[in-house]
Amino acid sequence: MLKKAFFALMLTACAKHVSPPPPNMYDLSGYPGPTFDATSSPCVDGIMVNLGNSCETLVEVRGEGVITTVQCSKAKDKNSGWDKYIFVVVTSHSIGAPPGTQEFCVDPVSVVYFKERS
């Protein structure tokens, strides 16, 4: 009986606990991969591909609907600028630029702005 309890305890102790990623954090390192499903926005696809290839960490995506922010916490290359900016995706051309941002990319579906991280 003691051997069975010890063995069960050892199996439990060796089991690897994999926690889910934090909310709003995504691994885009394989983006675009073989299952790439393009959005209808070349600007958004371009941002996601560049962040996926340039970020060492998970990419944070916040917001739903008309305004979404996207940012990388740490770039693979310290000379890369991809972790120095927040990208703001606006999916309505009737909304003006968010305060403190500059226009980065425009297509028929969205406007992407950027601003320096504080």
N, C-alpha and C. Protein backbone atom coordinates (compact mmCIF):
# COMPACT_ATOMS: atom_id res chain seq x y z
N MET A 1 0.81 -1.19 0.00
CA MET A 1 0.00 0.00 0.00
C MET A 1 0.86 1.26 0.00
N LEU A 2 1.91 1.25 0.80
CA LEU A 2 2.80 2.40 0.88
C LEU A 2 3.51 2.63 -0.44
N LYS A 3 3.88 1.53 -1.11
CA LYS A 3 4.54 1.66 -2.41
C LYS A 3 3.61 2.32 -3.43
N LYS A 4 2.34 1.93 -3.45
CA LYS A 4 1.38 2.51 -4.39
C LYS A 4 1.18 3.99 -4.13
N ALA A 5 1.08 4.38 -2.87
CA ALA A 5 0.90 5.79 -2.52
C ALA A 5 2.14 6.59 -2.92
N PHE A 6 3.32 6.06 -2.67
CA PHE A 6 4.56 6.73 -3.05
C PHE A 6 4.65 6.88 -4.56
N PHE A 7 4.32 5.83 -5.30
CA PHE A 7 4.35 5.87 -6.76
C PHE A 7 3.36 6.90 -7.30
N ALA A 8 2.16 6.94 -6.76
CA ALA A 8 1.16 7.92 -7.19
C ALA A 8 1.63 9.34 -6.90
N LEU A 9 2.23 9.54 -5.76
CA LEU A 9 2.75 10.86 -5.40
C LEU A 9 3.86 11.28 -6.36
N MET A 10 4.73 10.37 -6.71
CA MET A 10 5.83 10.67 -7.64
C MET A 10 5.29 11.04 -9.02
N LEU A 11 4.28 10.33 -9.49
CA LEU A 11 3.69 10.65 -10.79
C LEU A 11 3.07 12.04 -10.78
N THR A 12 2.41 12.37 -9.71
CA THR A 12 1.79 13.69 -9.59
C THR A 12 2.85 14.78 -9.53
N ALA A 13 3.92 14.55 -8.84
CA ALA A 13 4.98 15.54 -8.69
C ALA A 13 5.70 15.77 -10.01
N CYS A 14 5.79 14.77 -10.85
CA CYS A 14 6.51 14.90 -12.11
C CYS A 14 5.64 15.43 -13.24
N ALA A 15 4.35 15.49 -13.03
CA ALA A 15 3.47 15.98 -14.09
C ALA A 15 3.74 17.46 -14.32
N LYS A 16 3.85 17.82 -15.57
CA LYS A 16 4.13 19.20 -15.92
C LYS A 16 2.83 19.99 -15.96
N HIS A 17 2.80 21.07 -15.27
CA HIS A 17 1.61 21.92 -15.26
C HIS A 17 1.79 22.99 -16.33
N VAL A 18 0.91 23.01 -17.29
CA VAL A 18 0.95 24.01 -18.36
C VAL A 18 -0.22 24.94 -18.15
N SER A 19 0.09 26.16 -17.80
CA SER A 19 -0.98 27.12 -17.57
C SER A 19 -1.34 27.81 -18.89
N PRO A 20 -2.58 28.20 -19.03
CA PRO A 20 -2.97 28.90 -20.26
C PRO A 20 -2.31 30.27 -20.32
N PRO A 21 -2.14 30.81 -21.52
CA PRO A 21 -1.54 32.14 -21.62
C PRO A 21 -2.44 33.18 -20.96
N PRO A 22 -1.86 34.28 -20.51
CA PRO A 22 -2.68 35.34 -19.90
C PRO A 22 -3.73 35.84 -20.90
N PRO A 23 -4.82 36.40 -20.40
CA PRO A 23 -5.84 36.94 -21.31
C PRO A 23 -5.25 38.00 -22.23
N ASN A 24 -5.73 38.05 -23.43
CA ASN A 24 -5.34 39.04 -24.45
C ASN A 24 -3.90 38.86 -24.96
N MET A 25 -3.25 37.76 -24.63
CA MET A 25 -1.88 37.52 -25.08
C MET A 25 -1.89 36.36 -26.08
N TYR A 26 -1.21 36.55 -27.20
CA TYR A 26 -1.25 35.56 -28.27
C TYR A 26 0.16 35.26 -28.77
N ASP A 27 0.38 34.00 -29.10
CA ASP A 27 1.65 33.59 -29.70
C ASP A 27 1.50 33.70 -31.22
N LEU A 28 2.13 34.69 -31.79
CA LEU A 28 2.07 34.89 -33.24
C LEU A 28 3.38 34.48 -33.90
N SER A 29 4.22 33.72 -33.19
CA SER A 29 5.54 33.39 -33.72
C SER A 29 5.47 32.57 -35.00
N GLY A 30 4.42 31.81 -35.20
CA GLY A 30 4.28 31.03 -36.42
C GLY A 30 3.37 31.68 -37.43
N TYR A 31 3.07 32.95 -37.25
CA TYR A 31 2.11 33.65 -38.09
C TYR A 31 2.85 34.32 -39.23
N PRO A 32 2.56 34.20 -40.45
CA PRO A 32 1.53 33.30 -40.98
C PRO A 32 2.10 31.90 -41.15
N GLY A 33 1.35 30.95 -40.79
CA GLY A 33 1.76 29.56 -40.93
C GLY A 33 0.94 28.87 -42.00
N PRO A 34 1.00 27.56 -42.02
CA PRO A 34 0.29 26.82 -43.05
C PRO A 34 -1.24 26.96 -42.95
N THR A 35 -1.74 27.35 -41.79
CA THR A 35 -3.18 27.52 -41.63
C THR A 35 -3.57 29.00 -41.64
N PHE A 36 -2.74 29.83 -42.24
CA PHE A 36 -2.97 31.27 -42.27
C PHE A 36 -4.32 31.59 -42.91
N ASP A 37 -5.11 32.36 -42.20
CA ASP A 37 -6.41 32.80 -42.69
C ASP A 37 -6.38 34.32 -42.68
N ALA A 38 -6.18 34.90 -43.84
CA ALA A 38 -6.02 36.35 -43.94
C ALA A 38 -7.30 37.07 -43.54
N THR A 39 -7.12 38.23 -42.93
CA THR A 39 -8.27 39.09 -42.67
C THR A 39 -8.56 39.82 -43.98
N SER A 40 -9.54 40.65 -43.98
CA SER A 40 -9.82 41.42 -45.19
C SER A 40 -9.04 42.74 -45.20
N SER A 41 -8.07 42.86 -44.29
CA SER A 41 -7.28 44.08 -44.17
C SER A 41 -5.79 43.78 -44.36
N PRO A 42 -5.21 44.25 -45.46
CA PRO A 42 -3.76 44.08 -45.64
C PRO A 42 -2.94 44.76 -44.53
N CYS A 43 -3.45 45.86 -44.01
CA CYS A 43 -2.74 46.55 -42.92
C CYS A 43 -2.67 45.68 -41.67
N VAL A 44 -3.80 45.09 -41.28
CA VAL A 44 -3.83 44.25 -40.09
C VAL A 44 -2.98 43.01 -40.30
N ASP A 45 -3.08 42.37 -41.47
CA ASP A 45 -2.26 41.20 -41.75
C ASP A 45 -0.78 41.54 -41.67
N GLY A 46 -0.40 42.68 -42.22
CA GLY A 46 1.00 43.10 -42.19
C GLY A 46 1.51 43.33 -40.78
N ILE A 47 0.71 43.99 -39.94
CA ILE A 47 1.10 44.22 -38.54
C ILE A 47 1.29 42.88 -37.82
N MET A 48 0.33 41.98 -37.99
CA MET A 48 0.39 40.69 -37.29
C MET A 48 1.58 39.85 -37.75
N VAL A 49 1.85 39.84 -39.04
CA VAL A 49 3.00 39.07 -39.55
C VAL A 49 4.30 39.65 -39.02
N ASN A 50 4.44 40.97 -39.06
CA ASN A 50 5.67 41.60 -38.57
C ASN A 50 5.86 41.41 -37.07
N LEU A 51 4.79 41.55 -36.30
CA LEU A 51 4.90 41.32 -34.86
C LEU A 51 5.22 39.85 -34.57
N GLY A 52 4.60 38.95 -35.30
CA GLY A 52 4.86 37.53 -35.10
C GLY A 52 6.30 37.15 -35.38
N ASN A 53 6.90 37.79 -36.38
CA ASN A 53 8.29 37.49 -36.73
C ASN A 53 9.29 38.27 -35.89
N SER A 54 8.87 39.35 -35.26
CA SER A 54 9.80 40.23 -34.56
C SER A 54 9.75 40.13 -33.04
N CYS A 55 8.67 39.60 -32.49
CA CYS A 55 8.50 39.58 -31.03
C CYS A 55 9.06 38.31 -30.42
N GLU A 56 9.77 38.49 -29.32
CA GLU A 56 10.28 37.36 -28.55
C GLU A 56 9.21 36.87 -27.58
N THR A 57 8.32 37.78 -27.20
CA THR A 57 7.27 37.46 -26.23
C THR A 57 5.92 37.35 -26.93
N LEU A 58 4.91 37.02 -26.15
CA LEU A 58 3.56 36.99 -26.68
C LEU A 58 3.13 38.40 -27.09
N VAL A 59 2.21 38.48 -28.03
CA VAL A 59 1.70 39.76 -28.50
C VAL A 59 0.39 40.05 -27.79
N GLU A 60 0.27 41.26 -27.28
CA GLU A 60 -0.94 41.65 -26.56
C GLU A 60 -1.92 42.30 -27.52
N VAL A 61 -3.15 41.80 -27.55
CA VAL A 61 -4.22 42.36 -28.37
C VAL A 61 -5.36 42.71 -27.42
N ARG A 62 -5.73 44.00 -27.37
CA ARG A 62 -6.79 44.45 -26.46
C ARG A 62 -7.87 45.18 -27.25
N GLY A 63 -9.09 44.92 -26.86
CA GLY A 63 -10.23 45.62 -27.44
C GLY A 63 -10.97 44.75 -28.44
N GLU A 64 -12.22 45.03 -28.57
CA GLU A 64 -13.06 44.35 -29.55
C GLU A 64 -13.92 45.40 -30.22
N GLY A 65 -14.23 45.20 -31.45
CA GLY A 65 -15.08 46.16 -32.14
C GLY A 65 -14.28 47.12 -32.98
N VAL A 66 -14.60 48.39 -32.87
CA VAL A 66 -14.05 49.39 -33.78
C VAL A 66 -12.59 49.71 -33.49
N ILE A 67 -12.17 49.73 -32.24
CA ILE A 67 -10.79 50.09 -31.89
C ILE A 67 -10.11 48.94 -31.15
N THR A 68 -8.96 48.54 -31.64
CA THR A 68 -8.17 47.47 -31.03
C THR A 68 -6.73 47.93 -30.95
N THR A 69 -6.06 47.64 -29.84
CA THR A 69 -4.63 47.95 -29.73
C THR A 69 -3.83 46.66 -29.76
N VAL A 70 -2.66 46.75 -30.37
CA VAL A 70 -1.76 45.60 -30.52
C VAL A 70 -0.37 46.06 -30.14
N GLN A 71 0.32 45.26 -29.32
CA GLN A 71 1.69 45.63 -28.96
C GLN A 71 2.53 44.41 -28.61
N CYS A 72 3.82 44.59 -28.73
CA CYS A 72 4.81 43.56 -28.42
C CYS A 72 5.60 44.04 -27.20
N SER A 73 5.80 43.17 -26.23
CA SER A 73 6.53 43.58 -25.02
C SER A 73 8.03 43.56 -25.20
N LYS A 74 8.55 42.59 -25.98
CA LYS A 74 9.99 42.48 -26.16
C LYS A 74 10.29 41.92 -27.54
N ALA A 75 11.08 42.67 -28.31
CA ALA A 75 11.46 42.24 -29.65
C ALA A 75 12.64 41.29 -29.59
N LYS A 76 12.77 40.45 -30.60
CA LYS A 76 13.90 39.51 -30.67
C LYS A 76 15.22 40.28 -30.84
N ASP A 77 15.18 41.33 -31.64
CA ASP A 77 16.36 42.14 -31.91
C ASP A 77 16.24 43.45 -31.13
N LYS A 78 17.24 43.78 -30.33
CA LYS A 78 17.14 44.99 -29.51
C LYS A 78 17.10 46.27 -30.34
N ASN A 79 17.54 46.21 -31.60
CA ASN A 79 17.50 47.38 -32.46
C ASN A 79 16.18 47.50 -33.23
N SER A 80 15.30 46.55 -33.05
CA SER A 80 14.01 46.56 -33.72
C SER A 80 13.08 47.55 -33.03
N GLY A 81 12.23 48.19 -33.80
CA GLY A 81 11.29 49.14 -33.22
C GLY A 81 9.94 48.56 -32.89
N TRP A 82 9.75 47.29 -33.16
CA TRP A 82 8.42 46.69 -32.99
C TRP A 82 7.95 46.65 -31.55
N ASP A 83 8.84 46.72 -30.59
CA ASP A 83 8.42 46.72 -29.18
C ASP A 83 8.39 48.12 -28.58
N LYS A 84 8.62 49.12 -29.38
CA LYS A 84 8.64 50.50 -28.90
C LYS A 84 7.33 51.24 -29.14
N TYR A 85 6.40 50.60 -29.87
CA TYR A 85 5.17 51.27 -30.26
C TYR A 85 3.93 50.44 -29.93
N ILE A 86 2.83 51.14 -29.77
CA ILE A 86 1.51 50.53 -29.67
C ILE A 86 0.82 50.83 -30.99
N PHE A 87 0.22 49.81 -31.59
CA PHE A 87 -0.50 49.98 -32.84
C PHE A 87 -1.99 49.97 -32.53
N VAL A 88 -2.69 50.96 -33.05
CA VAL A 88 -4.12 51.11 -32.81
C VAL A 88 -4.84 50.86 -34.14
N VAL A 89 -5.66 49.82 -34.17
CA VAL A 89 -6.40 49.46 -35.38
C VAL A 89 -7.82 50.00 -35.25
N VAL A 90 -8.21 50.83 -36.20
CA VAL A 90 -9.55 51.42 -36.21
C VAL A 90 -10.26 50.90 -37.46
N THR A 91 -11.39 50.25 -37.27
CA THR A 91 -12.09 49.63 -38.40
C THR A 91 -13.24 50.48 -38.92
N SER A 92 -13.19 51.77 -38.65
CA SER A 92 -14.18 52.70 -39.18
C SER A 92 -13.45 53.93 -39.67
N HIS A 93 -13.68 54.27 -40.94
CA HIS A 93 -13.01 55.45 -41.49
C HIS A 93 -13.67 56.75 -41.03
N SER A 94 -14.80 56.65 -40.37
CA SER A 94 -15.48 57.86 -39.90
C SER A 94 -14.97 58.33 -38.53
N ILE A 95 -14.15 57.52 -37.89
CA ILE A 95 -13.57 57.90 -36.61
C ILE A 95 -12.20 58.52 -36.87
N GLY A 96 -11.93 59.62 -36.23
CA GLY A 96 -10.64 60.28 -36.40
C GLY A 96 -9.52 59.53 -35.67
N ALA A 97 -8.34 60.07 -35.82
CA ALA A 97 -7.17 59.46 -35.18
C ALA A 97 -7.28 59.53 -33.67
N PRO A 98 -6.98 58.45 -32.97
CA PRO A 98 -6.96 58.50 -31.51
C PRO A 98 -5.90 59.51 -31.05
N PRO A 99 -6.11 60.16 -29.92
CA PRO A 99 -5.17 61.18 -29.44
C PRO A 99 -3.75 60.63 -29.29
N GLY A 100 -2.79 61.41 -29.75
CA GLY A 100 -1.38 61.06 -29.59
C GLY A 100 -0.86 60.03 -30.58
N THR A 101 -1.64 59.71 -31.62
CA THR A 101 -1.21 58.70 -32.59
C THR A 101 -0.90 59.34 -33.93
N GLN A 102 -0.17 58.58 -34.75
CA GLN A 102 0.12 58.98 -36.12
C GLN A 102 -0.33 57.86 -37.05
N GLU A 103 -0.77 58.24 -38.24
CA GLU A 103 -1.24 57.25 -39.20
C GLU A 103 -0.09 56.38 -39.68
N PHE A 104 -0.33 55.08 -39.73
CA PHE A 104 0.69 54.11 -40.13
C PHE A 104 0.32 53.42 -41.44
N CYS A 105 -0.95 53.01 -41.58
CA CYS A 105 -1.38 52.27 -42.76
C CYS A 105 -2.88 52.46 -42.95
N VAL A 106 -3.31 52.58 -44.21
CA VAL A 106 -4.73 52.72 -44.51
C VAL A 106 -5.09 51.74 -45.61
N ASP A 107 -6.20 51.05 -45.44
CA ASP A 107 -6.75 50.21 -46.50
C ASP A 107 -8.27 50.38 -46.48
N PRO A 108 -9.00 49.76 -47.38
CA PRO A 108 -10.46 49.95 -47.40
C PRO A 108 -11.18 49.49 -46.13
N VAL A 109 -10.57 48.63 -45.34
CA VAL A 109 -11.23 48.08 -44.17
C VAL A 109 -10.83 48.77 -42.87
N SER A 110 -9.58 49.18 -42.76
CA SER A 110 -9.11 49.72 -41.49
C SER A 110 -8.05 50.80 -41.68
N VAL A 111 -7.84 51.52 -40.59
CA VAL A 111 -6.75 52.49 -40.50
C VAL A 111 -5.93 52.07 -39.29
N VAL A 112 -4.62 51.97 -39.47
CA VAL A 112 -3.73 51.60 -38.36
C VAL A 112 -2.91 52.83 -38.00
N TYR A 113 -2.93 53.16 -36.72
CA TYR A 113 -2.15 54.26 -36.18
C TYR A 113 -1.10 53.69 -35.23
N PHE A 114 -0.11 54.49 -34.91
CA PHE A 114 0.87 54.05 -33.93
C PHE A 114 1.22 55.20 -33.01
N LYS A 115 1.69 54.83 -31.81
CA LYS A 115 2.20 55.82 -30.86
C LYS A 115 3.28 55.15 -30.03
N GLU A 116 4.20 55.97 -29.53
CA GLU A 116 5.26 55.43 -28.68
C GLU A 116 4.69 54.96 -27.37
N ARG A 117 5.27 53.87 -26.90
CA ARG A 117 4.86 53.36 -25.58
C ARG A 117 5.43 54.26 -24.50
N SER A 118 4.69 54.41 -23.45
CA SER A 118 5.19 55.28 -22.37
C SER A 118 5.83 54.46 -21.28
